[in-house]
C-alpha atoms as a PDB file:
ATOM      1  CA  MET A   1       0.000   0.000   0.000  1.00  0.00           C
ATOM      2  CA  LYS A   2       2.836   2.420   0.859  1.00  0.00           C
ATOM      3  CA  ILE A   3       4.603   1.769  -2.460  1.00  0.00           C
ATOM      4  CA  GLU A   4       1.379   2.527  -4.347  1.00  0.00           C
ATOM      5  CA  ARG A   5       0.879   5.726  -2.354  1.00  0.00           C
ATOM      6  CA  LEU A   6       4.463   6.859  -2.991  1.00  0.00           C
ATOM      7  CA  TYR A   7       3.977   6.307  -6.703  1.00  0.00           C
ATOM      8  CA  ALA A   8       0.644   8.164  -6.618  1.00  0.00           C
ATOM      9  CA  ILE A   9       2.220  11.084  -4.713  1.00  0.00           C
ATOM     10  CA  THR A  10       5.011  11.297  -7.301  1.00  0.00           C
ATOM     11  CA  ILE A  11       2.487  11.450 -10.148  1.00  0.00           C
ATOM     12  CA  TYR A  12       0.396  14.011  -8.249  1.00  0.00           C
ATOM     13  CA  LEU A  13       3.360  16.333  -7.673  1.00  0.00           C
ATOM     14  CA  LEU A  14       4.484  16.041 -11.288  1.00  0.00           C
ATOM     15  CA  ASN A  15       0.985  16.998 -12.469  1.00  0.00           C
ATOM     16  CA  HIS A  16       0.170  19.707  -9.907  1.00  0.00           C
ATOM     17  CA  GLY A  17       3.531  21.197  -8.993  1.00  0.00           C
ATOM     18  CA  ARG A  18       4.135  22.675  -5.550  1.00  0.00           C
ATOM     19  CA  THR A  19       1.520  21.340  -3.146  1.00  0.00           C
ATOM     20  CA  PRO A  20       1.080  22.040   0.594  1.00  0.00           C
ATOM     21  CA  ALA A  21       1.534  19.061   2.918  1.00  0.00           C
ATOM     22  CA  SER A  22      -2.007  19.583   4.260  1.00  0.00           C
ATOM     23  CA  GLU A  23      -3.446  19.257   0.760  1.00  0.00           C
ATOM     24  CA  LEU A  24      -1.499  16.050   0.132  1.00  0.00           C
ATOM     25  CA  ALA A  25      -2.636  14.635   3.466  1.00  0.00           C
ATOM     26  CA  ALA A  26      -6.266  15.414   2.674  1.00  0.00           C
ATOM     27  CA  HIS A  27      -6.037  14.048  -0.874  1.00  0.00           C
ATOM     28  CA  PHE A  28      -4.431  10.749   0.154  1.00  0.00           C
ATOM     29  CA  GLU A  29      -6.371  10.524   3.428  1.00  0.00           C
ATOM     30  CA  VAL A  30      -3.318  10.192   5.680  1.00  0.00           C
ATOM     31  CA  SER A  31      -1.772  12.289   8.458  1.00  0.00           C
ATOM     32  CA  LEU A  32       0.724  15.113   7.999  1.00  0.00           C
ATOM     33  CA  ARG A  33       3.350  12.995   9.699  1.00  0.00           C
ATOM     34  CA  THR A  34       2.759  10.212   7.159  1.00  0.00           C
ATOM     35  CA  ILE A  35       3.239  12.678   4.307  1.00  0.00           C
ATOM     36  CA  GLN A  36       6.514  13.849   5.849  1.00  0.00           C
ATOM     37  CA  ARG A  37       7.736  10.244   6.098  1.00  0.00           C
ATOM     38  CA  ASP A  38       6.639   9.619   2.519  1.00  0.00           C
ATOM     39  CA  MET A  39       8.696  12.591   1.328  1.00  0.00           C
ATOM     40  CA  GLU A  40      11.740  11.220   3.136  1.00  0.00           C
ATOM     41  CA  SER A  41      11.180   7.838   1.460  1.00  0.00           C
ATOM     42  CA  LEU A  42      10.919   9.449  -1.984  1.00  0.00           C
ATOM     43  CA  CYS A  43      14.170  11.355  -1.445  1.00  0.00           C
ATOM     44  CA  LEU A  44      15.938   8.178  -0.333  1.00  0.00           C
ATOM     45  CA  SER A  45      14.726   6.438  -3.493  1.00  0.00           C
ATOM     46  CA  GLY A  46      16.360   9.096  -5.670  1.00  0.00           C
ATOM     47  CA  ILE A  47      13.345  11.265  -6.518  1.00  0.00           C
ATOM     48  CA  PRO A  48      14.381  14.928  -6.034  1.00  0.00           C
ATOM     49  CA  VAL A  49      11.615  16.228  -3.763  1.00  0.00           C
ATOM     50  CA  ILE A  50      12.058  19.855  -2.718  1.00  0.00           C
ATOM     51  CA  SER A  51      10.520  21.295   0.440  1.00  0.00           C
ATOM     52  CA  ILE A  52       9.613  24.998   0.317  1.00  0.00           C
ATOM     53  CA  ALA A  53       8.855  26.811   3.588  1.00  0.00           C
ATOM     54  CA  GLY A  54       6.481  29.726   4.095  1.00  0.00           C
ATOM     55  CA  PRO A  55       2.799  30.486   3.450  1.00  0.00           C
ATOM     56  CA  THR A  56       3.112  29.646  -0.258  1.00  0.00           C
ATOM     57  CA  GLY A  57       5.357  26.664   0.378  1.00  0.00           C
ATOM     58  CA  GLY A  58       4.901  22.951   0.056  1.00  0.00           C
ATOM     59  CA  TYR A  59       6.504  20.000  -1.687  1.00  0.00           C
ATOM     60  CA  GLU A  60       7.490  19.854  -5.330  1.00  0.00           C
ATOM     61  CA  ILE A  61       9.677  17.750  -7.604  1.00  0.00           C
ATOM     62  CA  ALA A  62      12.670  19.282  -9.361  1.00  0.00           C
ATOM     63  CA  GLU A  63      11.966  20.205 -12.989  1.00  0.00           C
ATOM     64  CA  ARG A  64      14.824  18.050 -14.269  1.00  0.00           C
ATOM     65  CA  PHE A  65      13.070  14.887 -13.060  1.00  0.00           C
ATOM     66  CA  ARG A  66      11.039  12.878 -15.556  1.00  0.00           C
ATOM     67  CA  LEU A  67       9.378   9.495 -15.261  1.00  0.00           C
ATOM     68  CA  ASP A  68      10.424   6.940 -17.849  1.00  0.00           C
ATOM     69  CA  HIS A  69       8.089   4.359 -19.369  1.00  0.00           C
ATOM     70  CA  GLN A  70       9.068   1.737 -16.817  1.00  0.00           C
ATOM     71  CA  PHE A  71       6.988   3.520 -14.168  1.00  0.00           C
ATOM     72  CA  ALA A  72       3.798   2.609 -16.053  1.00  0.00           C
ATOM     73  CA  THR A  73       2.307  -0.843 -15.566  1.00  0.00           C
ATOM     74  CA  SER A  74       0.567  -2.956 -18.186  1.00  0.00           C
ATOM     75  CA  ASP A  75      -2.776  -1.892 -16.687  1.00  0.00           C
ATOM     76  CA  ASP A  76      -1.723   1.764 -17.014  1.00  0.00           C
ATOM     77  CA  TYR A  77      -0.919   1.273 -20.696  1.00  0.00           C
ATOM     78  CA  ALA A  78      -4.231  -0.523 -21.225  1.00  0.00           C
ATOM     79  CA  CYS A  79      -6.068   2.546 -19.880  1.00  0.00           C
ATOM     80  CA  ILE A  80      -3.989   4.891 -22.061  1.00  0.00           C
ATOM     81  CA  LEU A  81      -4.629   2.769 -25.145  1.00  0.00           C
ATOM     82  CA  THR A  82      -8.368   2.672 -24.444  1.00  0.00           C
ATOM     83  CA  ALA A  83      -8.510   6.464 -24.100  1.00  0.00           C
ATOM     84  CA  LEU A  84      -6.472   7.020 -27.271  1.00  0.00           C
ATOM     85  CA  GLN A  85      -8.591   4.568 -29.254  1.00  0.00           C
ATOM     86  CA  GLY A  86     -11.663   6.500 -28.135  1.00  0.00           C
ATOM     87  CA  LEU A  87     -10.076   9.783 -29.207  1.00  0.00           C
ATOM     88  CA  VAL A  88      -9.171   8.380 -32.628  1.00  0.00           C
ATOM     89  CA  SER A  89     -12.696   7.018 -33.097  1.00  0.00           C
ATOM     90  CA  ALA A  90     -14.129  10.457 -32.216  1.00  0.00           C
ATOM     91  CA  THR A  91     -11.917  12.683 -34.362  1.00  0.00           C
ATOM     92  CA  GLY A  92      -9.956  10.508 -36.792  1.00  0.00           C
ATOM     93  CA  GLY A  93      -7.077  12.928 -36.222  1.00  0.00           C
ATOM     94  CA  GLN A  94      -3.647  11.982 -37.515  1.00  0.00           C
ATOM     95  CA  THR A  95      -1.857  13.259 -34.404  1.00  0.00           C
ATOM     96  CA  ALA A  96      -3.968  11.010 -32.184  1.00  0.00           C
ATOM     97  CA  ARG A  97      -3.335   8.076 -34.545  1.00  0.00           C
ATOM     98  CA  ARG A  98       0.428   8.606 -34.390  1.00  0.00           C
ATOM     99  CA  THR A  99       0.318   8.840 -30.590  1.00  0.00           C
ATOM    100  CA  LEU A 100      -1.723   5.654 -30.444  1.00  0.00           C
ATOM    101  CA  GLU A 101       0.853   3.844 -32.557  1.00  0.00           C
ATOM    102  CA  LYS A 102       3.677   5.031 -30.281  1.00  0.00           C
ATOM    103  CA  ILE A 103       1.942   3.872 -27.110  1.00  0.00           C
ATOM    104  CA  ALA A 104       0.946   0.574 -28.702  1.00  0.00           C
ATOM    105  CA  SER A 105       4.564  -0.069 -29.691  1.00  0.00           C
ATOM    106  CA  VAL A 106       5.801   0.012 -26.068  1.00  0.00           C
ATOM    107  CA  SER A 107       2.956  -1.925 -24.479  1.00  0.00           C
ATOM    108  CA  ARG A 108       1.792  -5.484 -24.603  1.00  0.00           C
ATOM    109  CA  PRO A 109      -1.640  -6.356 -26.022  1.00  0.00           C
ATOM    110  CA  ALA A 110      -4.248  -6.535 -23.272  1.00  0.00           C
ATOM    111  CA  ASP A 111      -7.724  -7.970 -23.050  1.00  0.00           C
ATOM    112  CA  ASN A 112      -9.671  -4.790 -22.358  1.00  0.00           C
ATOM    113  CA  CYS A 113     -13.045  -5.129 -20.699  1.00  0.00           C
ATOM    114  CA  LEU A 114     -13.811  -1.495 -21.555  1.00  0.00           C
ATOM    115  CA  LEU A 115     -14.003  -0.102 -25.100  1.00  0.00           C
ATOM    116  CA  LEU A 116     -14.722   3.508 -26.068  1.00  0.00           C
ATOM    117  CA  ASP A 117     -16.306   3.863 -29.503  1.00  0.00           C
ATOM    118  CA  PHE A 118     -17.080   7.527 -30.156  1.00  0.00           C
ATOM    119  CA  SER A 119     -17.349   7.217 -33.927  1.00  0.00           C
ATOM    120  CA  VAL A 120     -20.851   8.718 -33.738  1.00  0.00           C
ATOM    121  CA  LEU A 121     -19.174  12.025 -32.825  1.00  0.00           C
ATOM    122  CA  ARG A 122     -17.681  12.139 -36.320  1.00  0.00           C
ATOM    123  CA  GLU A 123     -21.129  12.426 -37.890  1.00  0.00           C
ATOM    124  CA  GLY A 124     -20.905  16.218 -37.486  1.00  0.00           C
ATOM    125  CA  ASP A 125     -18.773  18.685 -39.411  1.00  0.00           C
ATOM    126  CA  THR A 126     -15.338  17.060 -39.243  1.00  0.00           C
ATOM    127  CA  VAL A 127     -13.965  19.634 -41.710  1.00  0.00           C
ATOM    128  CA  ALA A 128     -14.777  22.446 -39.251  1.00  0.00           C
ATOM    129  CA  LEU A 129     -13.311  20.417 -36.400  1.00  0.00           C
ATOM    130  CA  GLN A 130     -10.006  19.952 -38.217  1.00  0.00           C
ATOM    131  CA  ALA A 131      -9.918  23.581 -39.390  1.00  0.00           C
ATOM    132  CA  LEU A 132     -10.355  24.841 -35.843  1.00  0.00           C
ATOM    133  CA  GLN A 133      -7.585  22.576 -34.568  1.00  0.00           C
ATOM    134  CA  SER A 134      -5.326  23.953 -37.283  1.00  0.00           C
ATOM    135  CA  ALA A 135      -6.183  27.546 -36.338  1.00  0.00           C
ATOM    136  CA  ILE A 136      -5.484  26.839 -32.661  1.00  0.00           C
ATOM    137  CA  ALA A 137      -2.092  25.303 -33.474  1.00  0.00           C
ATOM    138  CA  GLY A 138      -1.205  28.271 -35.708  1.00  0.00           C
ATOM    139  CA  LYS A 139      -2.605  30.836 -33.248  1.00  0.00           C
ATOM    140  CA  ARG A 140      -4.745  32.455 -35.920  1.00  0.00           C
ATOM    141  CA  MET A 141      -8.165  34.058 -35.516  1.00  0.00           C
ATOM    142  CA  VAL A 142     -11.230  32.518 -37.137  1.00  0.00           C
ATOM    143  CA  SER A 143     -14.427  34.106 -38.404  1.00  0.00           C
ATOM    144  CA  PHE A 144     -17.823  32.452 -38.800  1.00  0.00           C
ATOM    145  CA  THR A 145     -21.537  33.095 -38.916  1.00  0.00           C
ATOM    146  CA  TYR A 146     -23.310  31.937 -35.771  1.00  0.00           C
ATOM    147  CA  THR A 147     -26.956  31.461 -34.757  1.00  0.00           C
ATOM    148  CA  ASN A 148     -27.494  31.538 -30.986  1.00  0.00           C
ATOM    149  CA  ASN A 149     -30.195  30.082 -28.719  1.00  0.00           C
ATOM    150  CA  ASN A 150     -32.480  33.026 -29.407  1.00  0.00           C
ATOM    151  CA  ASN A 151     -32.248  32.416 -33.177  1.00  0.00           C
ATOM    152  CA  GLU A 152     -30.145  35.546 -33.666  1.00  0.00           C
ATOM    153  CA  THR A 153     -27.510  35.296 -36.426  1.00  0.00           C
ATOM    154  CA  ARG A 154     -24.286  37.306 -36.327  1.00  0.00           C
ATOM    155  CA  THR A 155     -20.737  37.161 -37.664  1.00  0.00           C
ATOM    156  CA  HIS A 156     -18.035  36.505 -35.063  1.00  0.00           C
ATOM    157  CA  SER A 157     -14.240  36.881 -35.183  1.00  0.00           C
ATOM    158  CA  VAL A 158     -12.531  35.146 -32.264  1.00  0.00           C
ATOM    159  CA  GLU A 159      -9.265  33.644 -31.060  1.00  0.00           C
ATOM    160  CA  PRO A 160      -9.856  29.857 -30.807  1.00  0.00           C
ATOM    161  CA  VAL A 161      -8.426  28.226 -27.681  1.00  0.00           C
ATOM    162  CA  ALA A 162      -9.732  24.649 -27.689  1.00  0.00           C
ATOM    163  CA  VAL A 163     -12.337  22.348 -29.193  1.00  0.00           C
ATOM    164  CA  LEU A 164     -14.249  20.312 -26.652  1.00  0.00           C
ATOM    165  CA  TYR A 165     -17.055  17.798 -26.496  1.00  0.00           C
ATOM    166  CA  ARG A 166     -19.564  18.365 -23.703  1.00  0.00           C
ATOM    167  CA  TRP A 167     -23.327  18.445 -23.250  1.00  0.00           C
ATOM    168  CA  TYR A 168     -23.640  15.940 -26.142  1.00  0.00           C
ATOM    169  CA  ALA A 169     -22.133  18.284 -28.753  1.00  0.00           C
ATOM    170  CA  TRP A 170     -18.862  19.757 -30.055  1.00  0.00           C
ATOM    171  CA  TYR A 171     -18.045  23.281 -28.875  1.00  0.00           C
ATOM    172  CA  LEU A 172     -15.369  25.875 -29.579  1.00  0.00           C
ATOM    173  CA  LEU A 173     -13.864  27.681 -26.607  1.00  0.00           C
ATOM    174  CA  ALA A 174     -12.628  31.045 -27.869  1.00  0.00           C
ATOM    175  CA  TYR A 175     -11.655  34.553 -26.811  1.00  0.00           C
ATOM    176  CA  SER A 176     -13.889  37.324 -28.124  1.00  0.00           C
ATOM    177  CA  ARG A 177     -12.078  40.604 -28.666  1.00  0.00           C
ATOM    178  CA  VAL A 178     -15.403  42.415 -28.768  1.00  0.00           C
ATOM    179  CA  LYS A 179     -16.605  41.004 -25.429  1.00  0.00           C
ATOM    180  CA  ARG A 180     -13.066  40.874 -24.005  1.00  0.00           C
ATOM    181  CA  ASP A 181     -13.963  37.541 -22.497  1.00  0.00           C
ATOM    182  CA  TYR A 182     -14.134  33.852 -23.284  1.00  0.00           C
ATOM    183  CA  ARG A 183     -17.178  32.285 -24.935  1.00  0.00           C
ATOM    184  CA  THR A 184     -18.237  28.826 -26.098  1.00  0.00           C
ATOM    185  CA  TYR A 185     -19.785  28.311 -29.532  1.00  0.00           C
ATOM    186  CA  LYS A 186     -21.647  25.197 -30.661  1.00  0.00           C
ATOM    187  CA  LEU A 187     -20.063  23.891 -33.867  1.00  0.00           C
ATOM    188  CA  VAL A 188     -23.355  22.781 -35.381  1.00  0.00           C
ATOM    189  CA  ARG A 189     -24.573  26.402 -35.262  1.00  0.00           C
ATOM    190  CA  MET A 190     -21.557  27.689 -37.206  1.00  0.00           C
ATOM    191  CA  SER A 191     -21.352  28.345 -40.921  1.00  0.00           C
ATOM    192  CA  SER A 192     -18.917  30.037 -43.331  1.00  0.00           C
ATOM    193  CA  LEU A 193     -15.952  29.214 -41.094  1.00  0.00           C
ATOM    194  CA  GLU A 194     -12.655  30.791 -42.224  1.00  0.00           C
ATOM    195  CA  ILE A 195      -9.147  30.852 -40.797  1.00  0.00           C
ATOM    196  CA  THR A 196      -7.776  34.397 -41.019  1.00  0.00           C
ATOM    197  CA  ASP A 197      -4.179  35.659 -41.177  1.00  0.00           C
ATOM    198  CA  THR A 198      -4.670  37.695 -37.985  1.00  0.00           C
ATOM    199  CA  PRO A 199      -2.531  36.412 -35.095  1.00  0.00           C
ATOM    200  CA  PHE A 200      -3.650  36.176 -31.475  1.00  0.00           C
ATOM    201  CA  THR A 201      -3.449  39.360 -29.409  1.00  0.00           C
ATOM    202  CA  LYS A 202      -2.580  37.573 -26.140  1.00  0.00           C
ATOM    203  CA  GLU A 203      -1.341  34.374 -24.576  1.00  0.00           C
ATOM    204  CA  HIS A 204      -4.220  32.306 -23.243  1.00  0.00           C
ATOM    205  CA  GLU A 205      -4.316  30.212 -20.101  1.00  0.00           C
ATOM    206  CA  PRO A 206      -4.783  26.446 -20.450  1.00  0.00           C
ATOM    207  CA  ALA A 207      -8.298  25.591 -21.613  1.00  0.00           C
ATOM    208  CA  GLU A 208      -9.024  23.656 -18.404  1.00  0.00           C
ATOM    209  CA  LEU A 209      -8.471  26.763 -16.266  1.00  0.00           C
ATOM    210  CA  ILE A 210     -10.585  28.943 -18.544  1.00  0.00           C
ATOM    211  CA  LEU A 211     -13.434  26.433 -18.463  1.00  0.00           C
ATOM    212  CA  GLN A 212     -13.299  26.227 -14.672  1.00  0.00           C
ATOM    213  CA  LYS A 213     -13.689  30.013 -14.416  1.00  0.00           C
ATOM    214  CA  ASN A 214     -16.450  30.091 -17.044  1.00  0.00           C
ATOM    215  CA  ASP A 215     -18.336  27.233 -15.404  1.00  0.00           C
ATOM    216  CA  ALA A 216     -18.161  29.024 -12.057  1.00  0.00           C
ATOM    217  CA  ALA A 217     -19.767  32.062 -13.712  1.00  0.00           C
ATOM    218  CA  ASP A 218     -22.272  30.012 -15.709  1.00  0.00           C
ATOM    219  CA  SER A 219     -25.285  32.233 -16.393  1.00  0.00           C
ATOM    220  CA  ARG A 220     -27.563  29.512 -17.716  1.00  0.00           C
ATOM    221  CA  ILE A 221     -30.868  29.133 -15.909  1.00  0.00           C
ATOM    222  CA  TYR A 222     -31.796  25.626 -14.818  1.00  0.00           C
ATOM    223  CA  LEU A 223     -35.322  24.416 -14.203  1.00  0.00           C
ATOM    224  CA  ASP A 224     -36.529  21.506 -12.103  1.00  0.00           C
ATOM    225  CA  VAL A 225     -39.495  19.943 -13.891  1.00  0.00           C
ATOM    226  CA  LEU A 226     -41.967  17.588 -12.222  1.00  0.00           C
ATOM    227  CA  VAL A 227     -43.724  15.160 -14.581  1.00  0.00           C
ATOM    228  CA  LYS A 228     -46.237  12.347 -14.328  1.00  0.00           C
ATOM    229  CA  CYS A 229     -45.355   9.476 -16.649  1.00  0.00           C
ATOM    230  CA  ARG A 230     -47.097   6.395 -17.871  1.00  0.00           C
ATOM    231  CA  PRO A 231     -44.905   3.285 -17.554  1.00  0.00           C
ATOM    232  CA  ALA A 232     -44.171   3.326 -21.302  1.00  0.00           C
ATOM    233  CA  ALA A 233     -42.438   6.703 -21.001  1.00  0.00           C
ATOM    234  CA  VAL A 234     -40.381   6.151 -17.852  1.00  0.00           C
ATOM    235  CA  SER A 235     -37.377   4.599 -19.606  1.00  0.00           C
ATOM    236  CA  ARG A 236     -37.356   7.345 -22.251  1.00  0.00           C
ATOM    237  CA  ILE A 237     -37.431  10.113 -19.626  1.00  0.00           C
ATOM    238  CA  LYS A 238     -34.503   8.433 -17.870  1.00  0.00           C
ATOM    239  CA  GLU A 239     -32.554   7.895 -21.093  1.00  0.00           C
ATOM    240  CA  TYR A 240     -33.142  11.172 -22.933  1.00  0.00           C
ATOM    241  CA  LEU A 241     -33.639  13.650 -20.078  1.00  0.00           C
ATOM    242  CA  ASN A 242     -31.808  11.969 -17.201  1.00  0.00           C
ATOM    243  CA  GLY A 243     -35.002  11.948 -15.162  1.00  0.00           C
ATOM    244  CA  THR A 244     -35.180  10.552 -11.639  1.00  0.00           C
ATOM    245  CA  ILE A 245     -38.053   8.462 -10.333  1.00  0.00           C
ATOM    246  CA  LEU A 246     -39.610   9.965  -7.201  1.00  0.00           C
ATOM    247  CA  ARG A 247     -42.525   7.659  -6.422  1.00  0.00           C
ATOM    248  CA  GLU A 248     -45.761   6.234  -7.758  1.00  0.00           C
ATOM    249  CA  ASN A 249     -48.558   8.730  -8.325  1.00  0.00           C
ATOM    250  CA  PRO A 250     -50.040   9.170  -4.819  1.00  0.00           C
ATOM    251  CA  GLU A 251     -53.326  10.584  -6.141  1.00  0.00           C
ATOM    252  CA  ASP A 252     -54.245   7.420  -8.009  1.00  0.00           C
ATOM    253  CA  PRO A 253     -51.823   4.490  -7.486  1.00  0.00           C
ATOM    254  CA  SER A 254     -54.089   2.229  -9.548  1.00  0.00           C
ATOM    255  CA  ASP A 255     -53.313   4.005 -12.851  1.00  0.00           C
ATOM    256  CA  GLY A 256     -49.654   2.903 -12.695  1.00  0.00           C
ATOM    257  CA  SER A 257     -48.257   6.377 -13.384  1.00  0.00           C
ATOM    258  CA  ILE A 258     -44.927   7.470 -11.937  1.00  0.00           C
ATOM    259  CA  LEU A 259     -43.805  10.857 -10.672  1.00  0.00           C
ATOM    260  CA  MET A 260     -40.389  11.863 -12.013  1.00  0.00           C
ATOM    261  CA  GLU A 261     -38.138  14.910 -11.752  1.00  0.00           C
ATOM    262  CA  LEU A 262     -35.700  16.262 -14.328  1.00  0.00           C
ATOM    263  CA  THR A 263     -33.430  19.298 -14.556  1.00  0.00           C
ATOM    264  CA  VAL A 264     -33.257  21.208 -17.843  1.00  0.00           C
ATOM    265  CA  VAL A 265     -31.631  24.377 -19.217  1.00  0.00           C
ATOM    266  CA  GLU A 266     -34.419  26.895 -19.678  1.00  0.00           C
ATOM    267  CA  ASN A 267     -33.341  28.413 -23.002  1.00  0.00           C
ATOM    268  CA  GLU A 268     -32.499  25.097 -24.680  1.00  0.00           C
ATOM    269  CA  GLN A 269     -35.087  23.494 -26.953  1.00  0.00           C
ATOM    270  CA  LEU A 270     -34.157  19.813 -27.131  1.00  0.00           C
ATOM    271  CA  TRP A 271     -35.835  18.839 -23.861  1.00  0.00           C
ATOM    272  CA  LEU A 272     -39.065  20.605 -24.850  1.00  0.00           C
ATOM    273  CA  GLY A 273     -39.172  18.718 -28.140  1.00  0.00           C
ATOM    274  CA  THR A 274     -38.529  15.447 -26.326  1.00  0.00           C
ATOM    275  CA  LEU A 275     -41.472  16.045 -23.987  1.00  0.00           C
ATOM    276  CA  LEU A 276     -43.708  16.873 -26.958  1.00  0.00           C
ATOM    277  CA  SER A 277     -42.628  13.701 -28.747  1.00  0.00           C
ATOM    278  CA  LEU A 278     -43.841  11.598 -25.797  1.00  0.00           C
ATOM    279  CA  GLY A 279     -47.397  12.860 -26.324  1.00  0.00           C
ATOM    280  CA  ASP A 280     -49.950  11.950 -23.678  1.00  0.00           C
ATOM    281  CA  ASN A 281     -47.570   9.501 -22.003  1.00  0.00           C
ATOM    282  CA  VAL A 282     -46.100  12.430 -20.038  1.00  0.00           C
ATOM    283  CA  GLU A 283     -47.817  15.325 -18.263  1.00  0.00           C
ATOM    284  CA  VAL A 284     -45.816  18.213 -16.839  1.00  0.00           C
ATOM    285  CA  LEU A 285     -47.144  19.098 -13.380  1.00  0.00           C
ATOM    286  CA  ALA A 286     -44.767  21.969 -12.593  1.00  0.00           C
ATOM    287  CA  PRO A 287     -43.614  24.640 -13.206  1.00  0.00           C
ATOM    288  CA  GLU A 288     -46.631  26.301 -14.758  1.00  0.00           C
ATOM    289  CA  LYS A 289     -44.600  28.171 -17.405  1.00  0.00           C
ATOM    290  CA  VAL A 290     -43.400  24.859 -18.875  1.00  0.00           C
ATOM    291  CA  ARG A 291     -47.012  23.673 -19.064  1.00  0.00           C
ATOM    292  CA  ARG A 292     -47.839  26.857 -20.996  1.00  0.00           C
ATOM    293  CA  GLN A 293     -44.872  26.351 -23.335  1.00  0.00           C
ATOM    294  CA  LEU A 294     -46.026  22.842 -24.174  1.00  0.00           C
ATOM    295  CA  LEU A 295     -49.628  23.959 -24.647  1.00  0.00           C
ATOM    296  CA  GLU A 296     -48.639  26.785 -27.004  1.00  0.00           C
ATOM    297  CA  ALA A 297     -46.375  24.480 -29.012  1.00  0.00           C
ATOM    298  CA  ALA A 298     -49.088  21.806 -29.230  1.00  0.00           C
ATOM    299  CA  GLU A 299     -51.690  24.351 -30.375  1.00  0.00           C
ATOM    300  CA  LYS A 300     -49.388  25.568 -33.155  1.00  0.00           C
ATOM    301  CA  ILE A 301     -48.865  21.973 -34.306  1.00  0.00           C
ATOM    302  CA  VAL A 302     -52.624  21.336 -34.323  1.00  0.00           C
ATOM    303  CA  SER A 303     -53.268  24.525 -36.280  1.00  0.00           C
ATOM    304  CA  LEU A 304     -50.638  23.489 -38.818  1.00  0.00           C
ATOM    305  CA  TYR A 305     -52.008  19.996 -39.408  1.00  0.00           C
ATOM    306  CA  GLY A 306     -55.652  20.404 -38.350  1.00  0.00           C
END
């Protein structure tokens, strides 16, 4: 157990840099004294751990130190291969393919019980995906026409930072010179994408840090929706809207209906269309404004086909 913890501490320090002893103790669920003994053990084993005193101090590993491939086990390589295979299936990128070949060449074949097939993610605009990656690598601005949630269409010129997949779609994280802030743009809503010759105006922080700050300031409005479902719709509500079963309908247990709760983003439309597609198998009980939205949408459909 101690050997595994020492290895984990080494990896943690290499990834996070200087870390206070209290943070290490909390992360690895051991005492401060144990962390101190672990640092002594790492130094004795030849790993150059540096102790920095003061309020901003902690432990760190000298920059000259690097782990070689022997520190990774066959299970570690199996996880890396699985992740890389998933990345290749999602993007088809040549860089990811070359990395996969390198990792595969230094590892033994393993019987993986977990496979990641993200090939469905390539059904979108792979040309735009590759163009954005090229612009990011070259640190060149891009321009495109974009239609937002409110169906407003404008032309944007931004500094692309990263392409990411989240919320079931590809997004571009970029810096807007006009807004002087970072924004995310859904790739499927883009058109007329062009890479310009204009270089970036600033150095950007790593995408992970930018996303953490943006997520903390997330201005999206979430709604908790209470619905009554017939048994035929329960699995669809769970699958498509991540609904949670609360209990059987207390008003009339004999009808077999189930009360469920789901959380949606108010200004998104996909969840509303999903509820409409379930017809009379689902009734929204609250909030009232969602009931009105569904009623108005249903009336428009009836007037169109009636």
